[in-house]
Amino acid sequence: MTRYCAFFASINVGGNRLTMADLRYAFEREEFENVETVVASGNVLFDFDERPTDGLEDLFAHMMLERFDMRTFAAVRNREQVRAAVDDNPFTGIGQDNLVHTLFLEREPDPAHFARLAADHSGRGPEKLAIGPRCLYIDYVDGVGASKLSNAFIERRLGCRGTARNVRSLARIAAKM
């Protein structure tokens, strides 16, 4: 069995309210094993036979729509990928752990789209950006709340959805995995 984490976008924000007990139960009903939630923001640890994560992401999107009438995206990563989201983030150890994020993307970002994102954001704020494997690394130097670099801004330029976690949370999740 492989240990995974599903990082759900927009859970318990913007009107998408869901208890973690209900989310765990939905995973257990789908026969995932060792289901555990971490923080009440849609991080679900589980064991399952190794398979491509895009198939699991599609399954979870369908599950959330059918069971909870929620349209959401889930980025699924295995233990090594979660650890890499901390270790390979070029801003880890430089910026503050609560301000340095990995934005997990639904697919590999196109370098041309990333260049457009960086150009469009240039001069809008102090945030630092770097591209990674199926992710974007961000240092929100002055905080996420004060930033003009929103998920919607990023998603429009990259042409794909994503969900972010700070490296402090990711390190905690990796340790639990």
N, C-alpha and C. Protein backbone atom coordinates (compact mmCIF):
# COMPACT_ATOMS: atom_id res chain seq x y z
N MET A 1 0.84 -1.19 0.00
CA MET A 1 0.00 0.00 0.00
C MET A 1 0.88 1.25 0.00
N THR A 2 0.42 2.24 -0.68
CA THR A 2 1.13 3.52 -0.74
C THR A 2 0.38 4.52 0.12
N ARG A 3 1.14 5.36 0.83
CA ARG A 3 0.54 6.41 1.66
C ARG A 3 0.45 7.67 0.81
N TYR A 4 -0.73 8.25 0.79
CA TYR A 4 -1.00 9.46 0.02
C TYR A 4 -1.59 10.54 0.93
N CYS A 5 -1.54 11.77 0.40
CA CYS A 5 -2.30 12.86 0.99
C CYS A 5 -3.10 13.52 -0.12
N ALA A 6 -4.38 13.71 0.12
CA ALA A 6 -5.23 14.48 -0.79
C ALA A 6 -5.36 15.87 -0.20
N PHE A 7 -4.94 16.86 -0.96
CA PHE A 7 -5.03 18.26 -0.55
C PHE A 7 -6.21 18.87 -1.30
N PHE A 8 -7.31 19.08 -0.59
CA PHE A 8 -8.51 19.63 -1.22
C PHE A 8 -8.45 21.15 -1.26
N ALA A 9 -8.94 21.70 -2.35
CA ALA A 9 -9.05 23.15 -2.49
C ALA A 9 -10.41 23.58 -1.94
N SER A 10 -10.42 24.73 -1.31
CA SER A 10 -11.67 25.40 -0.90
C SER A 10 -12.55 24.60 0.04
N ILE A 11 -11.96 23.87 0.97
CA ILE A 11 -12.75 23.19 1.99
C ILE A 11 -12.73 24.07 3.24
N ASN A 12 -13.91 24.32 3.77
CA ASN A 12 -14.12 25.16 4.95
C ASN A 12 -13.69 26.61 4.73
N VAL A 13 -13.78 27.04 3.48
CA VAL A 13 -13.63 28.46 3.12
C VAL A 13 -14.67 28.76 2.05
N GLY A 14 -15.09 30.00 1.97
CA GLY A 14 -16.01 30.41 0.92
C GLY A 14 -17.32 29.66 0.86
N GLY A 15 -17.83 29.22 1.99
CA GLY A 15 -19.13 28.56 2.02
C GLY A 15 -19.08 27.05 1.86
N ASN A 16 -17.95 26.48 1.51
CA ASN A 16 -17.81 25.02 1.40
C ASN A 16 -17.50 24.43 2.77
N ARG A 17 -18.53 24.28 3.59
CA ARG A 17 -18.35 23.76 4.94
C ARG A 17 -18.54 22.25 4.96
N LEU A 18 -17.58 21.57 5.60
CA LEU A 18 -17.62 20.12 5.66
C LEU A 18 -16.83 19.69 6.89
N THR A 19 -17.43 18.81 7.69
CA THR A 19 -16.68 18.33 8.85
C THR A 19 -15.66 17.31 8.38
N MET A 20 -14.58 17.25 9.09
CA MET A 20 -13.54 16.28 8.74
C MET A 20 -14.02 14.85 9.00
N ALA A 21 -14.93 14.68 9.95
CA ALA A 21 -15.51 13.36 10.20
C ALA A 21 -16.29 12.89 8.97
N ASP A 22 -17.06 13.78 8.36
CA ASP A 22 -17.80 13.42 7.15
C ASP A 22 -16.86 13.10 5.99
N LEU A 23 -15.79 13.87 5.88
CA LEU A 23 -14.81 13.64 4.82
C LEU A 23 -14.11 12.28 5.02
N ARG A 24 -13.72 12.00 6.25
CA ARG A 24 -13.10 10.69 6.56
C ARG A 24 -14.05 9.55 6.21
N TYR A 25 -15.31 9.70 6.61
CA TYR A 25 -16.30 8.67 6.34
C TYR A 25 -16.46 8.43 4.84
N ALA A 26 -16.45 9.49 4.04
CA ALA A 26 -16.57 9.35 2.59
C ALA A 26 -15.38 8.55 2.02
N PHE A 27 -14.19 8.80 2.53
CA PHE A 27 -13.02 8.05 2.10
C PHE A 27 -13.12 6.58 2.50
N GLU A 28 -13.59 6.35 3.72
CA GLU A 28 -13.72 4.97 4.19
C GLU A 28 -14.78 4.22 3.39
N ARG A 29 -15.85 4.89 3.02
CA ARG A 29 -16.89 4.27 2.18
C ARG A 29 -16.35 3.87 0.82
N GLU A 30 -15.34 4.60 0.35
CA GLU A 30 -14.70 4.28 -0.94
C GLU A 30 -13.60 3.23 -0.77
N GLU A 31 -13.49 2.68 0.45
CA GLU A 31 -12.56 1.60 0.78
C GLU A 31 -11.09 2.01 0.80
N PHE A 32 -10.83 3.27 1.13
CA PHE A 32 -9.46 3.68 1.39
C PHE A 32 -9.14 3.30 2.82
N GLU A 33 -7.87 3.00 3.10
CA GLU A 33 -7.48 2.51 4.41
C GLU A 33 -6.67 3.54 5.18
N ASN A 34 -6.67 3.40 6.52
CA ASN A 34 -5.91 4.27 7.42
C ASN A 34 -6.16 5.75 7.13
N VAL A 35 -7.43 6.09 7.02
CA VAL A 35 -7.83 7.46 6.68
C VAL A 35 -7.67 8.34 7.91
N GLU A 36 -7.05 9.50 7.69
CA GLU A 36 -6.80 10.45 8.78
C GLU A 36 -6.81 11.86 8.19
N THR A 37 -7.44 12.79 8.88
CA THR A 37 -7.39 14.18 8.42
C THR A 37 -6.38 14.95 9.27
N VAL A 38 -5.78 15.95 8.66
CA VAL A 38 -4.80 16.79 9.33
C VAL A 38 -5.25 18.23 9.14
N VAL A 39 -5.56 18.90 10.23
CA VAL A 39 -6.09 20.26 10.22
C VAL A 39 -7.45 20.24 9.51
N ALA A 40 -8.31 21.16 9.82
CA ALA A 40 -9.68 21.15 9.29
C ALA A 40 -9.79 21.88 7.96
N SER A 41 -8.78 21.73 7.11
CA SER A 41 -8.82 22.45 5.83
C SER A 41 -8.72 21.52 4.63
N GLY A 42 -9.06 20.25 4.81
CA GLY A 42 -9.13 19.34 3.68
C GLY A 42 -7.83 18.65 3.33
N ASN A 43 -7.07 18.22 4.31
CA ASN A 43 -5.88 17.40 4.09
C ASN A 43 -6.21 16.00 4.59
N VAL A 44 -6.25 15.03 3.68
CA VAL A 44 -6.65 13.68 4.04
C VAL A 44 -5.53 12.70 3.72
N LEU A 45 -5.04 12.02 4.75
CA LEU A 45 -4.04 10.98 4.58
C LEU A 45 -4.78 9.66 4.42
N PHE A 46 -4.25 8.79 3.53
CA PHE A 46 -4.88 7.49 3.33
C PHE A 46 -3.89 6.54 2.66
N ASP A 47 -4.18 5.26 2.79
CA ASP A 47 -3.40 4.22 2.13
C ASP A 47 -4.25 3.64 1.00
N PHE A 48 -3.56 3.34 -0.11
CA PHE A 48 -4.25 2.75 -1.25
C PHE A 48 -3.21 2.10 -2.14
N ASP A 49 -3.65 1.16 -2.97
CA ASP A 49 -2.73 0.55 -3.93
C ASP A 49 -2.11 1.64 -4.79
N GLU A 50 -0.84 1.48 -5.11
CA GLU A 50 -0.17 2.48 -5.93
C GLU A 50 -0.86 2.58 -7.28
N ARG A 51 -1.11 3.83 -7.68
CA ARG A 51 -1.72 4.09 -8.98
C ARG A 51 -1.45 5.54 -9.35
N PRO A 52 -1.68 5.91 -10.60
CA PRO A 52 -1.46 7.31 -10.99
C PRO A 52 -2.35 8.24 -10.19
N THR A 53 -1.78 9.32 -9.70
CA THR A 53 -2.55 10.22 -8.84
C THR A 53 -3.63 10.97 -9.59
N ASP A 54 -3.50 11.15 -10.90
CA ASP A 54 -4.56 11.86 -11.61
C ASP A 54 -5.86 11.07 -11.59
N GLY A 55 -5.79 9.75 -11.57
CA GLY A 55 -7.00 8.94 -11.44
C GLY A 55 -7.66 9.12 -10.09
N LEU A 56 -6.84 9.23 -9.04
CA LEU A 56 -7.38 9.48 -7.70
C LEU A 56 -7.99 10.88 -7.63
N GLU A 57 -7.34 11.85 -8.25
CA GLU A 57 -7.86 13.22 -8.24
C GLU A 57 -9.24 13.29 -8.89
N ASP A 58 -9.40 12.59 -10.02
CA ASP A 58 -10.71 12.54 -10.69
C ASP A 58 -11.75 11.86 -9.81
N LEU A 59 -11.36 10.76 -9.16
CA LEU A 59 -12.26 10.04 -8.26
C LEU A 59 -12.74 10.94 -7.13
N PHE A 60 -11.82 11.70 -6.53
CA PHE A 60 -12.20 12.56 -5.40
C PHE A 60 -13.08 13.72 -5.84
N ALA A 61 -12.83 14.27 -7.02
CA ALA A 61 -13.70 15.34 -7.52
C ALA A 61 -15.12 14.81 -7.69
N HIS A 62 -15.24 13.61 -8.24
CA HIS A 62 -16.56 13.00 -8.41
C HIS A 62 -17.20 12.70 -7.05
N MET A 63 -16.42 12.14 -6.13
CA MET A 63 -16.92 11.81 -4.80
C MET A 63 -17.46 13.06 -4.09
N MET A 64 -16.72 14.15 -4.17
CA MET A 64 -17.15 15.38 -3.48
C MET A 64 -18.43 15.94 -4.10
N LEU A 65 -18.55 15.85 -5.39
CA LEU A 65 -19.76 16.34 -6.06
C LEU A 65 -20.96 15.46 -5.71
N GLU A 66 -20.79 14.15 -5.78
CA GLU A 66 -21.89 13.23 -5.51
C GLU A 66 -22.32 13.23 -4.04
N ARG A 67 -21.37 13.20 -3.12
CA ARG A 67 -21.70 13.06 -1.70
C ARG A 67 -22.02 14.39 -1.02
N PHE A 68 -21.35 15.46 -1.45
CA PHE A 68 -21.47 16.73 -0.71
C PHE A 68 -21.91 17.91 -1.58
N ASP A 69 -22.18 17.65 -2.86
CA ASP A 69 -22.58 18.69 -3.81
C ASP A 69 -21.55 19.84 -3.84
N MET A 70 -20.27 19.46 -3.80
CA MET A 70 -19.17 20.43 -3.84
C MET A 70 -18.33 20.21 -5.08
N ARG A 71 -18.12 21.28 -5.81
CA ARG A 71 -17.17 21.22 -6.93
C ARG A 71 -15.84 21.69 -6.38
N THR A 72 -14.91 20.76 -6.29
CA THR A 72 -13.60 21.09 -5.75
C THR A 72 -12.54 20.29 -6.47
N PHE A 73 -11.33 20.66 -6.24
CA PHE A 73 -10.17 20.02 -6.82
C PHE A 73 -9.34 19.43 -5.68
N ALA A 74 -8.80 18.24 -5.90
CA ALA A 74 -7.90 17.63 -4.92
C ALA A 74 -6.58 17.30 -5.61
N ALA A 75 -5.50 17.78 -5.04
CA ALA A 75 -4.17 17.40 -5.50
C ALA A 75 -3.74 16.21 -4.63
N VAL A 76 -3.38 15.12 -5.26
CA VAL A 76 -2.98 13.93 -4.52
C VAL A 76 -1.49 13.72 -4.72
N ARG A 77 -0.79 13.57 -3.59
CA ARG A 77 0.66 13.36 -3.64
C ARG A 77 1.04 12.24 -2.68
N ASN A 78 2.06 11.47 -3.05
CA ASN A 78 2.54 10.43 -2.15
C ASN A 78 3.52 11.03 -1.15
N ARG A 79 3.97 10.21 -0.24
CA ARG A 79 4.85 10.65 0.86
C ARG A 79 6.10 11.36 0.33
N GLU A 80 6.75 10.80 -0.67
CA GLU A 80 7.97 11.39 -1.22
C GLU A 80 7.68 12.75 -1.86
N GLN A 81 6.56 12.86 -2.53
CA GLN A 81 6.21 14.13 -3.18
C GLN A 81 5.88 15.20 -2.15
N VAL A 82 5.25 14.82 -1.05
CA VAL A 82 4.97 15.80 0.01
C VAL A 82 6.27 16.27 0.64
N ARG A 83 7.16 15.36 0.91
CA ARG A 83 8.48 15.72 1.48
C ARG A 83 9.23 16.63 0.52
N ALA A 84 9.17 16.32 -0.78
CA ALA A 84 9.84 17.15 -1.80
C ALA A 84 9.22 18.55 -1.88
N ALA A 85 7.93 18.66 -1.60
CA ALA A 85 7.27 19.97 -1.63
C ALA A 85 7.86 20.92 -0.59
N VAL A 86 8.47 20.36 0.45
CA VAL A 86 9.17 21.16 1.46
C VAL A 86 10.64 21.28 1.09
N ASP A 87 11.29 20.15 0.86
CA ASP A 87 12.74 20.12 0.65
C ASP A 87 13.18 20.80 -0.65
N ASP A 88 12.37 20.68 -1.71
CA ASP A 88 12.75 21.24 -3.00
C ASP A 88 12.27 22.67 -3.20
N ASN A 89 11.48 23.17 -2.27
CA ASN A 89 11.00 24.56 -2.37
C ASN A 89 12.21 25.47 -2.14
N PRO A 90 12.59 26.28 -3.13
CA PRO A 90 13.80 27.10 -2.99
C PRO A 90 13.70 28.18 -1.92
N PHE A 91 12.49 28.42 -1.40
CA PHE A 91 12.31 29.46 -0.39
C PHE A 91 12.27 28.90 1.03
N THR A 92 12.24 27.57 1.16
CA THR A 92 12.27 26.93 2.48
C THR A 92 13.59 27.28 3.16
N GLY A 93 13.49 27.74 4.40
CA GLY A 93 14.69 28.11 5.15
C GLY A 93 15.15 29.53 4.90
N ILE A 94 14.59 30.17 3.88
CA ILE A 94 14.92 31.57 3.57
C ILE A 94 13.79 32.47 4.06
N GLY A 95 12.57 32.14 3.63
CA GLY A 95 11.39 32.87 4.08
C GLY A 95 10.83 32.22 5.33
N GLN A 96 9.82 32.86 5.92
CA GLN A 96 9.17 32.31 7.11
C GLN A 96 8.31 31.11 6.71
N ASP A 97 8.38 30.04 7.49
CA ASP A 97 7.68 28.80 7.16
C ASP A 97 6.18 28.96 6.96
N ASN A 98 5.57 29.91 7.63
CA ASN A 98 4.13 30.11 7.45
C ASN A 98 3.82 30.96 6.21
N LEU A 99 4.84 31.58 5.62
CA LEU A 99 4.64 32.43 4.44
C LEU A 99 5.14 31.77 3.15
N VAL A 100 5.95 30.73 3.28
CA VAL A 100 6.46 30.00 2.12
C VAL A 100 5.49 28.86 1.82
N HIS A 101 4.99 28.83 0.58
CA HIS A 101 3.96 27.87 0.19
C HIS A 101 4.39 27.04 -1.01
N THR A 102 3.78 25.87 -1.11
CA THR A 102 3.80 25.08 -2.33
C THR A 102 2.36 25.03 -2.82
N LEU A 103 2.16 25.47 -4.05
CA LEU A 103 0.85 25.41 -4.68
C LEU A 103 0.84 24.17 -5.56
N PHE A 104 0.10 23.14 -5.13
CA PHE A 104 0.00 21.91 -5.90
C PHE A 104 -0.94 22.14 -7.07
N LEU A 105 -0.49 21.78 -8.27
CA LEU A 105 -1.26 22.01 -9.48
C LEU A 105 -1.81 20.71 -10.03
N GLU A 106 -2.89 20.81 -10.80
CA GLU A 106 -3.51 19.62 -11.37
C GLU A 106 -2.69 19.01 -12.50
N ARG A 107 -1.77 19.75 -13.04
CA ARG A 107 -0.89 19.20 -14.08
C ARG A 107 0.40 20.00 -14.12
N GLU A 108 1.32 19.52 -14.90
CA GLU A 108 2.62 20.18 -15.05
C GLU A 108 2.41 21.58 -15.65
N PRO A 109 2.96 22.62 -15.01
CA PRO A 109 2.77 23.97 -15.56
C PRO A 109 3.60 24.17 -16.83
N ASP A 110 3.01 24.81 -17.79
CA ASP A 110 3.70 25.15 -19.04
C ASP A 110 4.69 26.28 -18.74
N PRO A 111 5.97 26.13 -19.11
CA PRO A 111 6.95 27.18 -18.84
C PRO A 111 6.56 28.55 -19.42
N ALA A 112 5.89 28.55 -20.58
CA ALA A 112 5.46 29.82 -21.17
C ALA A 112 4.38 30.48 -20.32
N HIS A 113 3.48 29.67 -19.77
CA HIS A 113 2.44 30.21 -18.89
C HIS A 113 3.05 30.73 -17.59
N PHE A 114 4.05 30.01 -17.08
CA PHE A 114 4.74 30.48 -15.87
C PHE A 114 5.43 31.82 -16.15
N ALA A 115 6.06 31.95 -17.31
CA ALA A 115 6.72 33.21 -17.68
C ALA A 115 5.70 34.34 -17.73
N ARG A 116 4.51 34.06 -18.26
CA ARG A 116 3.45 35.07 -18.30
C ARG A 116 3.01 35.46 -16.89
N LEU A 117 2.84 34.45 -16.02
CA LEU A 117 2.48 34.71 -14.63
C LEU A 117 3.51 35.62 -13.98
N ALA A 118 4.78 35.27 -14.12
CA ALA A 118 5.85 36.07 -13.51
C ALA A 118 5.86 37.49 -14.07
N ALA A 119 5.67 37.63 -15.37
CA ALA A 119 5.67 38.96 -16.00
C ALA A 119 4.46 39.78 -15.54
N ASP A 120 3.29 39.15 -15.50
CA ASP A 120 2.08 39.86 -15.08
C ASP A 120 2.12 40.26 -13.61
N HIS A 121 2.84 39.49 -12.81
CA HIS A 121 2.92 39.81 -11.38
C HIS A 121 4.05 40.80 -11.07
N SER A 122 5.00 40.92 -11.95
CA SER A 122 6.14 41.80 -11.73
C SER A 122 5.68 43.22 -11.37
N GLY A 123 6.19 43.71 -10.26
CA GLY A 123 5.84 45.05 -9.80
C GLY A 123 4.57 45.13 -8.98
N ARG A 124 3.84 44.04 -8.84
CA ARG A 124 2.58 44.04 -8.08
C ARG A 124 2.79 43.73 -6.61
N GLY A 125 3.96 43.17 -6.25
CA GLY A 125 4.20 42.81 -4.86
C GLY A 125 5.56 42.17 -4.69
N PRO A 126 5.94 41.91 -3.44
CA PRO A 126 7.28 41.38 -3.16
C PRO A 126 7.39 39.86 -3.26
N GLU A 127 6.31 39.17 -3.59
CA GLU A 127 6.33 37.71 -3.62
C GLU A 127 7.39 37.19 -4.59
N LYS A 128 7.92 36.03 -4.22
CA LYS A 128 8.91 35.35 -5.06
C LYS A 128 8.27 34.07 -5.57
N LEU A 129 8.53 33.74 -6.83
CA LEU A 129 7.93 32.58 -7.49
C LEU A 129 8.99 31.69 -8.10
N ALA A 130 8.73 30.40 -8.08
CA ALA A 130 9.58 29.42 -8.78
C ALA A 130 8.68 28.28 -9.22
N ILE A 131 9.03 27.69 -10.33
CA ILE A 131 8.25 26.58 -10.88
C ILE A 131 8.85 25.26 -10.38
N GLY A 132 7.98 24.30 -10.14
CA GLY A 132 8.41 22.98 -9.70
C GLY A 132 7.61 21.91 -10.43
N PRO A 133 7.81 20.64 -10.09
CA PRO A 133 7.07 19.56 -10.74
C PRO A 133 5.61 19.52 -10.27
N ARG A 134 4.70 19.81 -11.16
CA ARG A 134 3.26 19.89 -10.86
C ARG A 134 3.00 20.81 -9.67
N CYS A 135 3.82 21.85 -9.54
CA CYS A 135 3.61 22.79 -8.44
C CYS A 135 4.27 24.12 -8.75
N LEU A 136 3.92 25.08 -7.92
CA LEU A 136 4.51 26.41 -7.95
C LEU A 136 4.96 26.70 -6.52
N TYR A 137 6.17 27.20 -6.38
CA TYR A 137 6.70 27.58 -5.07
C TYR A 137 6.54 29.09 -4.93
N ILE A 138 6.03 29.51 -3.77
CA ILE A 138 5.76 30.93 -3.56
C ILE A 138 6.23 31.34 -2.17
N ASP A 139 6.92 32.47 -2.11
CA ASP A 139 7.22 33.10 -0.82
C ASP A 139 6.36 34.35 -0.74
N TYR A 140 5.32 34.30 0.09
CA TYR A 140 4.44 35.45 0.32
C TYR A 140 5.09 36.32 1.38
N VAL A 141 6.07 37.04 1.01
CA VAL A 141 6.95 37.79 1.90
C VAL A 141 6.20 38.58 2.97
N ASP A 142 5.13 39.27 2.59
CA ASP A 142 4.37 40.10 3.54
C ASP A 142 3.08 39.45 4.00
N GLY A 143 2.85 38.18 3.66
CA GLY A 143 1.66 37.47 4.07
C GLY A 143 0.69 37.25 2.93
N VAL A 144 -0.05 36.17 3.02
CA VAL A 144 -1.01 35.80 1.97
C VAL A 144 -2.15 36.81 1.91
N GLY A 145 -2.66 37.21 3.06
CA GLY A 145 -3.80 38.11 3.11
C GLY A 145 -3.55 39.46 2.46
N ALA A 146 -2.32 39.93 2.52
CA ALA A 146 -1.97 41.24 1.96
C ALA A 146 -1.56 41.14 0.48
N SER A 147 -1.45 39.94 -0.04
CA SER A 147 -0.91 39.72 -1.37
C SER A 147 -1.95 39.93 -2.47
N LYS A 148 -1.49 40.45 -3.59
CA LYS A 148 -2.31 40.53 -4.80
C LYS A 148 -2.17 39.26 -5.64
N LEU A 149 -1.28 38.37 -5.21
CA LEU A 149 -1.03 37.12 -5.91
C LEU A 149 -2.01 36.06 -5.39
N SER A 150 -3.23 36.11 -5.87
CA SER A 150 -4.29 35.20 -5.42
C SER A 150 -4.27 33.92 -6.26
N ASN A 151 -4.96 32.89 -5.74
CA ASN A 151 -5.08 31.65 -6.51
C ASN A 151 -5.76 31.91 -7.85
N ALA A 152 -6.78 32.75 -7.86
CA ALA A 152 -7.49 33.05 -9.11
C ALA A 152 -6.55 33.69 -10.12
N PHE A 153 -5.71 34.63 -9.68
CA PHE A 153 -4.73 35.29 -10.55
C PHE A 153 -3.77 34.25 -11.13
N ILE A 154 -3.28 33.36 -10.27
CA ILE A 154 -2.33 32.33 -10.69
C ILE A 154 -3.00 31.36 -11.66
N GLU A 155 -4.19 30.87 -11.30
CA GLU A 155 -4.87 29.87 -12.12
C GLU A 155 -5.21 30.39 -13.51
N ARG A 156 -5.60 31.68 -13.60
CA ARG A 156 -5.90 32.27 -14.92
C ARG A 156 -4.66 32.27 -15.80
N ARG A 157 -3.52 32.57 -15.23
CA ARG A 157 -2.31 32.65 -16.03
C ARG A 157 -1.72 31.28 -16.35
N LEU A 158 -1.81 30.34 -15.42
CA LEU A 158 -1.25 29.01 -15.67
C LEU A 158 -2.22 28.11 -16.44
N GLY A 159 -3.50 28.45 -16.39
CA GLY A 159 -4.49 27.64 -17.10
C GLY A 159 -4.80 26.33 -16.42
N CYS A 160 -4.55 26.25 -15.11
CA CYS A 160 -4.90 25.05 -14.36
C CYS A 160 -5.15 25.41 -12.89
N ARG A 161 -5.86 24.51 -12.22
CA ARG A 161 -6.22 24.73 -10.82
C ARG A 161 -5.10 24.29 -9.89
N GLY A 162 -5.17 24.82 -8.66
CA GLY A 162 -4.20 24.43 -7.67
C GLY A 162 -4.70 24.70 -6.26
N THR A 163 -4.01 24.15 -5.31
CA THR A 163 -4.31 24.38 -3.90
C THR A 163 -2.99 24.46 -3.14
N ALA A 164 -2.88 25.46 -2.28
CA ALA A 164 -1.60 25.76 -1.62
C ALA A 164 -1.61 25.37 -0.15
N ARG A 165 -0.41 25.01 0.33
CA ARG A 165 -0.17 24.76 1.75
C ARG A 165 1.19 25.36 2.09
N ASN A 166 1.29 25.91 3.31
CA ASN A 166 2.59 26.45 3.70
C ASN A 166 3.52 25.32 4.13
N VAL A 167 4.83 25.61 4.12
CA VAL A 167 5.79 24.53 4.39
C VAL A 167 5.73 24.05 5.83
N ARG A 168 5.25 24.87 6.74
CA ARG A 168 5.08 24.41 8.12
C ARG A 168 4.04 23.29 8.16
N SER A 169 2.90 23.52 7.50
CA SER A 169 1.85 22.49 7.43
C SER A 169 2.33 21.26 6.67
N LEU A 170 3.04 21.47 5.58
CA LEU A 170 3.53 20.35 4.78
C LEU A 170 4.52 19.49 5.55
N ALA A 171 5.38 20.13 6.33
CA ALA A 171 6.33 19.37 7.15
C ALA A 171 5.58 18.52 8.18
N ARG A 172 4.53 19.10 8.76
CA ARG A 172 3.71 18.38 9.73
C ARG A 172 3.01 17.19 9.07
N ILE A 173 2.48 17.41 7.88
CA ILE A 173 1.79 16.34 7.15
C ILE A 173 2.79 15.25 6.77
N ALA A 174 3.94 15.63 6.27
CA ALA A 174 4.97 14.65 5.89
C ALA A 174 5.39 13.80 7.09
N ALA A 175 5.52 14.41 8.25
CA ALA A 175 5.90 13.67 9.46
C ALA A 175 4.81 12.66 9.85
N LYS A 176 3.54 13.01 9.65
CA LYS A 176 2.44 12.10 9.96
C LYS A 176 2.34 10.96 8.96
N MET A 177 2.81 11.21 7.75
CA MET A 177 2.72 10.18 6.71
C MET A 177 3.69 9.05 7.01
